C-alpha cells in the first residue's frame, strides 16, 4: 500500500499531513538565517600612535620606522603599509588568510610593547593596536542636545551617564563620542614680559607641571589600622 492509495482512501489524513508539513515549513522559514557573505574577520591589524605637534618627518623617523622594524619580526605577515601624518602615525599589517587573527594581534602587541623604549617619551599615549572586525562597524548614531546645558556639561553627561549605560547592553562592543569638549586652561603670554624676566614658554610649562603634584609617601601601619600617606606639592 503506497502513499497515493492511502491518501485516496483517507483524504482527511492526507489533508492533516499537508497542513502539518506547511506549518513546519512556515515555522522553519521564520527561523532561517540568510546571509549573503560569511562572517569572516580579515587578518588585518592596525597600529595607531598620536604625537601632537610633530610634523610628518618626525613621525616617520621617530615612530613609524621603529614600529615597522619591530613588527616585521612577526610570523605570517603578508604586507605592511604605513601613513605618517601631522601628529599621527597609522600602520596597517595584513596577514596571510591562514593566520589566526587573535594570535596575530597578540604578537603585534608584544612587538609594539618591546619597541616602546625606542619611541619619544612625550607621545600622547601608548600605540593602540586594534584588529579589523567585519561586524564592528557602527550601526547607531545618536545626537545629544540640551537647552539648559552647555557643551562641556553635555560632554560630561555623555561620558559618565550615557556611555556607561549603553556599554552594559548585551552585544554592544564600544561607544564612541564625537565632538566632545573637555575642560582646559589657556594661557596667553606677553613676549616682552617673558623677555624681561628672562623666561621662555618652556619655563612656564615646567613650572605648571611642578605645581599641584600628588606623590605617594608610603604608609603608616599600626596594630589595628594601616594608613596611606600622600604628599601634596602646591
C-alpha atoms as a PDB file:
ATOM      1  CA  UNK A   1       0.000   0.000   0.000  1.00  0.00           C
ATOM      2  CA  UNK A   2       1.642   3.206  -1.209  1.00  0.00           C
ATOM      3  CA  UNK A   3       1.226   6.809  -0.158  1.00  0.00           C
ATOM      4  CA  UNK A   4      -1.107   7.719  -3.051  1.00  0.00           C
ATOM      5  CA  UNK A   5      -3.519   4.907  -2.222  1.00  0.00           C
ATOM      6  CA  UNK A   6      -3.521   5.851   1.483  1.00  0.00           C
ATOM      7  CA  UNK A   7      -4.249   9.473   0.579  1.00  0.00           C
ATOM      8  CA  UNK A   8      -7.142   8.400  -1.642  1.00  0.00           C
ATOM      9  CA  UNK A   9      -8.608   6.059   0.973  1.00  0.00           C
ATOM     10  CA  UNK A  10      -8.135   8.548   3.823  1.00  0.00           C
ATOM     11  CA  UNK A  11      -8.475  12.112   2.480  1.00  0.00           C
ATOM     12  CA  UNK A  12      -8.759  13.629   5.951  1.00  0.00           C
ATOM     13  CA  UNK A  13      -5.427  12.077   6.952  1.00  0.00           C
ATOM     14  CA  UNK A  14      -3.805  13.419   3.777  1.00  0.00           C
ATOM     15  CA  UNK A  15      -5.147  16.919   4.433  1.00  0.00           C
ATOM     16  CA  UNK A  16      -3.888  16.887   8.026  1.00  0.00           C
ATOM     17  CA  UNK A  17      -0.431  15.734   6.903  1.00  0.00           C
ATOM     18  CA  UNK A  18      -0.262  18.507   4.294  1.00  0.00           C
ATOM     19  CA  UNK A  19      -1.254  21.084   6.904  1.00  0.00           C
ATOM     20  CA  UNK A  20       1.464  19.785   9.282  1.00  0.00           C
ATOM     21  CA  UNK A  21       4.082  19.956   6.525  1.00  0.00           C
ATOM     22  CA  UNK A  22       3.056  23.531   5.645  1.00  0.00           C
ATOM     23  CA  UNK A  23       3.074  24.514   9.343  1.00  0.00           C
ATOM     24  CA  UNK A  24       6.583  23.148   9.867  1.00  0.00           C
ATOM     25  CA  UNK A  25       7.703  24.901   6.691  1.00  0.00           C
ATOM     26  CA  UNK A  26       6.393  28.275   7.904  1.00  0.00           C
ATOM     27  CA  UNK A  27       7.985  27.839  11.335  1.00  0.00           C
ATOM     28  CA  UNK A  28      11.308  26.804   9.793  1.00  0.00           C
ATOM     29  CA  UNK A  29      11.238  29.762   7.396  1.00  0.00           C
ATOM     30  CA  UNK A  30      10.846  32.248  10.269  1.00  0.00           C
ATOM     31  CA  UNK A  31      13.973  30.875  11.965  1.00  0.00           C
ATOM     32  CA  UNK A  32      16.008  30.550   8.777  1.00  0.00           C
ATOM     33  CA  UNK A  33      19.112  32.728   8.786  1.00  0.00           C
ATOM     34  CA  UNK A  34      20.036  34.295   5.465  1.00  0.00           C
ATOM     35  CA  UNK A  35      23.498  35.770   4.897  1.00  0.00           C
ATOM     36  CA  UNK A  36      24.905  36.646   1.504  1.00  0.00           C
ATOM     37  CA  UNK A  37      28.506  36.517   2.691  1.00  0.00           C
ATOM     38  CA  UNK A  38      30.034  34.534   5.557  1.00  0.00           C
ATOM     39  CA  UNK A  39      31.148  36.290   8.732  1.00  0.00           C
ATOM     40  CA  UNK A  40      34.923  36.406   8.237  1.00  0.00           C
ATOM     41  CA  UNK A  41      37.324  38.552  10.201  1.00  0.00           C
ATOM     42  CA  UNK A  42      40.021  39.740   7.792  1.00  0.00           C
ATOM     43  CA  UNK A  43      43.534  39.176   9.239  1.00  0.00           C
ATOM     44  CA  UNK A  44      44.371  42.882   9.362  1.00  0.00           C
ATOM     45  CA  UNK A  45      45.915  44.654  12.373  1.00  0.00           C
ATOM     46  CA  UNK A  46      46.273  48.436  12.706  1.00  0.00           C
ATOM     47  CA  UNK A  47      48.664  50.327  14.990  1.00  0.00           C
ATOM     48  CA  UNK A  48      47.825  53.974  15.697  1.00  0.00           C
ATOM     49  CA  UNK A  49      50.064  56.440  17.546  1.00  0.00           C
ATOM     50  CA  UNK A  50      49.419  60.136  18.272  1.00  0.00           C
ATOM     51  CA  UNK A  51      52.202  62.667  18.746  1.00  0.00           C
ATOM     52  CA  UNK A  52      50.677  66.140  18.916  1.00  0.00           C
ATOM     53  CA  UNK A  53      52.731  68.916  17.339  1.00  0.00           C
ATOM     54  CA  UNK A  54      55.133  66.681  15.412  1.00  0.00           C
ATOM     55  CA  UNK A  55      55.390  67.011  11.654  1.00  0.00           C
ATOM     56  CA  UNK A  56      55.270  64.113   9.205  1.00  0.00           C
ATOM     57  CA  UNK A  57      59.075  63.747   9.002  1.00  0.00           C
ATOM     58  CA  UNK A  58      59.431  63.376  12.772  1.00  0.00           C
ATOM     59  CA  UNK A  59      56.522  60.941  12.881  1.00  0.00           C
ATOM     60  CA  UNK A  60      58.149  58.872  10.138  1.00  0.00           C
ATOM     61  CA  UNK A  61      61.634  58.718  11.652  1.00  0.00           C
ATOM     62  CA  UNK A  62      60.836  58.508  15.378  1.00  0.00           C
ATOM     63  CA  UNK A  63      57.596  56.499  15.461  1.00  0.00           C
ATOM     64  CA  UNK A  64      56.645  54.773  12.215  1.00  0.00           C
ATOM     65  CA  UNK A  65      60.046  53.328  11.308  1.00  0.00           C
ATOM     66  CA  UNK A  66      60.857  51.906  14.787  1.00  0.00           C
ATOM     67  CA  UNK A  67      57.427  50.308  14.997  1.00  0.00           C
ATOM     68  CA  UNK A  68      57.665  48.866  11.487  1.00  0.00           C
ATOM     69  CA  UNK A  69      61.083  47.375  12.220  1.00  0.00           C
ATOM     70  CA  UNK A  70      59.729  45.739  15.366  1.00  0.00           C
ATOM     71  CA  UNK A  71      56.550  44.434  13.744  1.00  0.00           C
ATOM     72  CA  UNK A  72      58.485  42.932  10.820  1.00  0.00           C
ATOM     73  CA  UNK A  73      59.563  40.110  13.092  1.00  0.00           C
ATOM     74  CA  UNK A  74      56.022  38.721  13.424  1.00  0.00           C
ATOM     75  CA  UNK A  75      55.371  35.490  11.556  1.00  0.00           C
ATOM     76  CA  UNK A  76      52.794  35.285   8.761  1.00  0.00           C
ATOM     77  CA  UNK A  77      52.866  38.925   7.610  1.00  0.00           C
ATOM     78  CA  UNK A  78      51.743  39.484   4.043  1.00  0.00           C
ATOM     79  CA  UNK A  79      52.079  43.245   3.644  1.00  0.00           C
ATOM     80  CA  UNK A  80      52.812  46.285   5.833  1.00  0.00           C
ATOM     81  CA  UNK A  81      51.666  49.778   4.871  1.00  0.00           C
ATOM     82  CA  UNK A  82      52.005  52.960   6.871  1.00  0.00           C
ATOM     83  CA  UNK A  83      50.950  56.596   6.787  1.00  0.00           C
ATOM     84  CA  UNK A  84      52.828  59.303   8.682  1.00  0.00           C
ATOM     85  CA  UNK A  85      50.707  62.411   9.018  1.00  0.00           C
ATOM     86  CA  UNK A  86      50.820  65.585  11.046  1.00  0.00           C
ATOM     87  CA  UNK A  87      50.656  64.400  14.657  1.00  0.00           C
ATOM     88  CA  UNK A  88      49.700  60.779  13.956  1.00  0.00           C
ATOM     89  CA  UNK A  89      51.093  57.500  12.661  1.00  0.00           C
ATOM     90  CA  UNK A  90      48.982  54.684  11.201  1.00  0.00           C
ATOM     91  CA  UNK A  91      50.445  51.266  10.406  1.00  0.00           C
ATOM     92  CA  UNK A  92      48.346  48.566   8.715  1.00  0.00           C
ATOM     93  CA  UNK A  93      49.578  44.965   8.901  1.00  0.00           C
ATOM     94  CA  UNK A  94      47.920  42.356   6.683  1.00  0.00           C
ATOM     95  CA  UNK A  95      48.492  38.682   7.470  1.00  0.00           C
ATOM     96  CA  UNK A  96      48.041  35.547   5.405  1.00  0.00           C
ATOM     97  CA  UNK A  97      44.498  34.202   5.196  1.00  0.00           C
ATOM     98  CA  UNK A  98      45.536  31.129   7.169  1.00  0.00           C
ATOM     99  CA  UNK A  99      46.763  33.233  10.118  1.00  0.00           C
ATOM    100  CA  UNK A 100      44.707  33.326  13.314  1.00  0.00           C
ATOM    101  CA  UNK A 101      43.538  36.887  13.992  1.00  0.00           C
ATOM    102  CA  UNK A 102      43.759  36.665  17.789  1.00  0.00           C
ATOM    103  CA  UNK A 103      47.265  35.211  17.703  1.00  0.00           C
ATOM    104  CA  UNK A 104      48.405  37.814  15.180  1.00  0.00           C
ATOM    105  CA  UNK A 105      47.025  40.650  17.308  1.00  0.00           C
ATOM    106  CA  UNK A 106      48.809  39.352  20.407  1.00  0.00           C
ATOM    107  CA  UNK A 107      52.084  39.001  18.511  1.00  0.00           C
ATOM    108  CA  UNK A 108      51.830  42.574  17.229  1.00  0.00           C
ATOM    109  CA  UNK A 109      51.068  43.871  20.732  1.00  0.00           C
ATOM    110  CA  UNK A 110      54.158  42.111  22.075  1.00  0.00           C
ATOM    111  CA  UNK A 111      56.376  43.647  19.397  1.00  0.00           C
ATOM    112  CA  UNK A 112      54.902  47.111  19.949  1.00  0.00           C
ATOM    113  CA  UNK A 113      55.462  46.808  23.709  1.00  0.00           C
ATOM    114  CA  UNK A 114      59.108  45.932  23.104  1.00  0.00           C
ATOM    115  CA  UNK A 115      59.524  48.982  20.841  1.00  0.00           C
ATOM    116  CA  UNK A 116      58.081  51.485  23.335  1.00  0.00           C
ATOM    117  CA  UNK A 117      61.535  52.308  24.706  1.00  0.00           C
ATOM    118  CA  UNK A 118      62.559  53.456  21.203  1.00  0.00           C
ATOM    119  CA  UNK A 119      59.690  55.957  20.903  1.00  0.00           C
ATOM    120  CA  UNK A 120      59.716  59.539  22.192  1.00  0.00           C
ATOM    121  CA  UNK A 121      58.851  59.769  25.870  1.00  0.00           C
ATOM    122  CA  UNK A 122      56.408  62.652  25.389  1.00  0.00           C
ATOM    123  CA  UNK A 123      53.978  60.954  22.986  1.00  0.00           C
ATOM    124  CA  UNK A 124      50.316  61.455  23.831  1.00  0.00           C
ATOM    125  CA  UNK A 125      49.694  57.795  24.713  1.00  0.00           C
ATOM    126  CA  UNK A 126      50.960  54.309  24.025  1.00  0.00           C
ATOM    127  CA  UNK A 127      50.316  52.983  20.494  1.00  0.00           C
ATOM    128  CA  UNK A 128      46.855  51.462  20.089  1.00  0.00           C
ATOM    129  CA  UNK A 129      46.752  48.025  18.453  1.00  0.00           C
ATOM    130  CA  UNK A 130      43.365  47.028  17.038  1.00  0.00           C
ATOM    131  CA  UNK A 131      42.155  44.243  14.787  1.00  0.00           C
ATOM    132  CA  UNK A 132      39.792  44.607  11.842  1.00  0.00           C
ATOM    133  CA  UNK A 133      36.379  43.113  12.574  1.00  0.00           C
ATOM    134  CA  UNK A 134      33.758  42.676   9.855  1.00  0.00           C
ATOM    135  CA  UNK A 135      30.974  43.146  12.411  1.00  0.00           C
ATOM    136  CA  UNK A 136      32.418  46.095  14.350  1.00  0.00           C
ATOM    137  CA  UNK A 137      31.083  48.920  12.185  1.00  0.00           C
ATOM    138  CA  UNK A 138      28.907  51.491  13.886  1.00  0.00           C
ATOM    139  CA  UNK A 139      25.211  50.760  13.461  1.00  0.00           C
ATOM    140  CA  UNK A 140      23.580  53.545  15.508  1.00  0.00           C
ATOM    141  CA  UNK A 141      24.359  57.259  15.609  1.00  0.00           C
ATOM    142  CA  UNK A 142      22.748  59.435  18.278  1.00  0.00           C
ATOM    143  CA  UNK A 143      22.702  63.198  18.772  1.00  0.00           C
ATOM    144  CA  UNK A 144      22.708  64.687  22.257  1.00  0.00           C
ATOM    145  CA  UNK A 145      21.474  68.232  22.714  1.00  0.00           C
ATOM    146  CA  UNK A 146      20.135  70.349  25.541  1.00  0.00           C
ATOM    147  CA  UNK A 147      18.576  73.764  26.037  1.00  0.00           C
ATOM    148  CA  UNK A 148      19.948  74.146  29.570  1.00  0.00           C
ATOM    149  CA  UNK A 149      23.440  72.561  29.414  1.00  0.00           C
ATOM    150  CA  UNK A 150      26.481  73.847  27.592  1.00  0.00           C
ATOM    151  CA  UNK A 151      28.869  71.737  25.520  1.00  0.00           C
ATOM    152  CA  UNK A 152      31.129  70.900  28.473  1.00  0.00           C
ATOM    153  CA  UNK A 153      28.203  69.755  30.599  1.00  0.00           C
ATOM    154  CA  UNK A 154      26.813  67.700  27.716  1.00  0.00           C
ATOM    155  CA  UNK A 155      30.191  66.017  27.283  1.00  0.00           C
ATOM    156  CA  UNK A 156      30.316  65.151  30.965  1.00  0.00           C
ATOM    157  CA  UNK A 157      26.783  63.704  30.814  1.00  0.00           C
ATOM    158  CA  UNK A 158      27.514  61.692  27.672  1.00  0.00           C
ATOM    159  CA  UNK A 159      30.748  60.210  29.061  1.00  0.00           C
ATOM    160  CA  UNK A 160      29.670  59.493  32.632  1.00  0.00           C
ATOM    161  CA  UNK A 161      25.994  58.598  32.111  1.00  0.00           C
ATOM    162  CA  UNK A 162      25.090  57.637  28.542  1.00  0.00           C
ATOM    163  CA  UNK A 163      28.318  55.858  27.645  1.00  0.00           C
ATOM    164  CA  UNK A 164      28.403  53.873  30.889  1.00  0.00           C
ATOM    165  CA  UNK A 165      24.822  52.678  30.476  1.00  0.00           C
ATOM    166  CA  UNK A 166      24.996  51.880  26.770  1.00  0.00           C
ATOM    167  CA  UNK A 167      28.163  49.815  27.177  1.00  0.00           C
ATOM    168  CA  UNK A 168      26.362  47.445  29.557  1.00  0.00           C
ATOM    169  CA  UNK A 169      23.827  46.435  26.872  1.00  0.00           C
ATOM    170  CA  UNK A 170      24.479  42.867  25.666  1.00  0.00           C
ATOM    171  CA  UNK A 171      26.091  42.814  22.235  1.00  0.00           C
ATOM    172  CA  UNK A 172      27.484  46.377  22.420  1.00  0.00           C
ATOM    173  CA  UNK A 173      31.228  46.406  21.741  1.00  0.00           C
ATOM    174  CA  UNK A 174      32.188  50.056  22.197  1.00  0.00           C
ATOM    175  CA  UNK A 175      30.756  53.570  22.315  1.00  0.00           C
ATOM    176  CA  UNK A 176      32.471  56.441  20.535  1.00  0.00           C
ATOM    177  CA  UNK A 177      31.743  60.084  21.309  1.00  0.00           C
ATOM    178  CA  UNK A 178      32.398  62.717  18.658  1.00  0.00           C
ATOM    179  CA  UNK A 179      32.539  66.451  19.152  1.00  0.00           C
ATOM    180  CA  UNK A 180      33.208  66.290  22.870  1.00  0.00           C
ATOM    181  CA  UNK A 181      34.767  69.255  24.630  1.00  0.00           C
ATOM    182  CA  UNK A 182      36.992  68.817  27.669  1.00  0.00           C
ATOM    183  CA  UNK A 183      37.867  71.339  30.327  1.00  0.00           C
ATOM    184  CA  UNK A 184      41.133  73.131  29.539  1.00  0.00           C
ATOM    185  CA  UNK A 185      43.176  76.111  30.695  1.00  0.00           C
ATOM    186  CA  UNK A 186      44.568  78.566  28.168  1.00  0.00           C
ATOM    187  CA  UNK A 187      47.451  80.940  28.820  1.00  0.00           C
ATOM    188  CA  UNK A 188      48.313  83.996  26.755  1.00  0.00           C
ATOM    189  CA  UNK A 189      51.936  85.063  27.118  1.00  0.00           C
ATOM    190  CA  UNK A 190      53.308  88.571  26.899  1.00  0.00           C
ATOM    191  CA  UNK A 191      56.603  88.199  24.958  1.00  0.00           C
ATOM    192  CA  UNK A 192      58.005  91.452  26.364  1.00  0.00           C
ATOM    193  CA  UNK A 193      57.396  90.452  29.981  1.00  0.00           C
ATOM    194  CA  UNK A 194      58.816  86.991  29.372  1.00  0.00           C
ATOM    195  CA  UNK A 195      61.934  88.544  27.912  1.00  0.00           C
ATOM    196  CA  UNK A 196      62.165  90.946  30.850  1.00  0.00           C
ATOM    197  CA  UNK A 197      62.154  88.038  33.310  1.00  0.00           C
ATOM    198  CA  UNK A 198      64.439  86.001  31.019  1.00  0.00           C
ATOM    199  CA  UNK A 199      61.856  83.230  30.690  1.00  0.00           C
ATOM    200  CA  UNK A 200      60.553  81.105  27.830  1.00  0.00           C
ATOM    201  CA  UNK A 201      57.302  79.268  27.237  1.00  0.00           C
ATOM    202  CA  UNK A 202      59.036  76.009  28.230  1.00  0.00           C
ATOM    203  CA  UNK A 203      59.917  77.508  31.613  1.00  0.00           C
ATOM    204  CA  UNK A 204      56.286  78.361  32.225  1.00  0.00           C
ATOM    205  CA  UNK A 205      55.219  74.862  31.161  1.00  0.00           C
ATOM    206  CA  UNK A 206      57.724  73.243  33.506  1.00  0.00           C
ATOM    207  CA  UNK A 207      56.549  75.438  36.384  1.00  0.00           C
ATOM    208  CA  UNK A 208      52.930  74.433  35.777  1.00  0.00           C
ATOM    209  CA  UNK A 209      53.864  70.752  35.633  1.00  0.00           C
ATOM    210  CA  UNK A 210      55.574  71.002  39.021  1.00  0.00           C
ATOM    211  CA  UNK A 211      52.518  72.530  40.714  1.00  0.00           C
ATOM    212  CA  UNK A 212      49.713  70.547  42.340  1.00  0.00           C
ATOM    213  CA  UNK A 213      51.636  67.282  42.275  1.00  0.00           C
ATOM    214  CA  UNK A 214      50.401  64.407  44.417  1.00  0.00           C
ATOM    215  CA  UNK A 215      53.141  61.954  45.306  1.00  0.00           C
ATOM    216  CA  UNK A 216      52.994  58.632  47.185  1.00  0.00           C
ATOM    217  CA  UNK A 217      54.798  58.842  50.530  1.00  0.00           C
ATOM    218  CA  UNK A 218      54.391  55.337  51.847  1.00  0.00           C
ATOM    219  CA  UNK A 219      52.143  54.113  54.638  1.00  0.00           C
ATOM    220  CA  UNK A 220      51.867  54.024  58.400  1.00  0.00           C
ATOM    221  CA  UNK A 221      50.984  50.656  59.862  1.00  0.00           C
ATOM    222  CA  UNK A 222      49.674  50.144  63.356  1.00  0.00           C
ATOM    223  CA  UNK A 223      48.316  47.261  65.361  1.00  0.00           C
ATOM    224  CA  UNK A 224      44.771  47.513  64.038  1.00  0.00           C
ATOM    225  CA  UNK A 225      44.974  50.135  61.290  1.00  0.00           C
ATOM    226  CA  UNK A 226      47.021  50.960  58.241  1.00  0.00           C
ATOM    227  CA  UNK A 227      47.085  54.474  56.756  1.00  0.00           C
ATOM    228  CA  UNK A 228      48.350  55.645  53.370  1.00  0.00           C
ATOM    229  CA  UNK A 229      50.331  58.892  53.289  1.00  0.00           C
ATOM    230  CA  UNK A 230      50.211  61.227  50.284  1.00  0.00           C
ATOM    231  CA  UNK A 231      52.321  64.331  49.723  1.00  0.00           C
ATOM    232  CA  UNK A 232      50.674  67.331  48.087  1.00  0.00           C
ATOM    233  CA  UNK A 233      53.017  69.835  46.483  1.00  0.00           C
ATOM    234  CA  UNK A 234      51.480  73.177  45.682  1.00  0.00           C
END
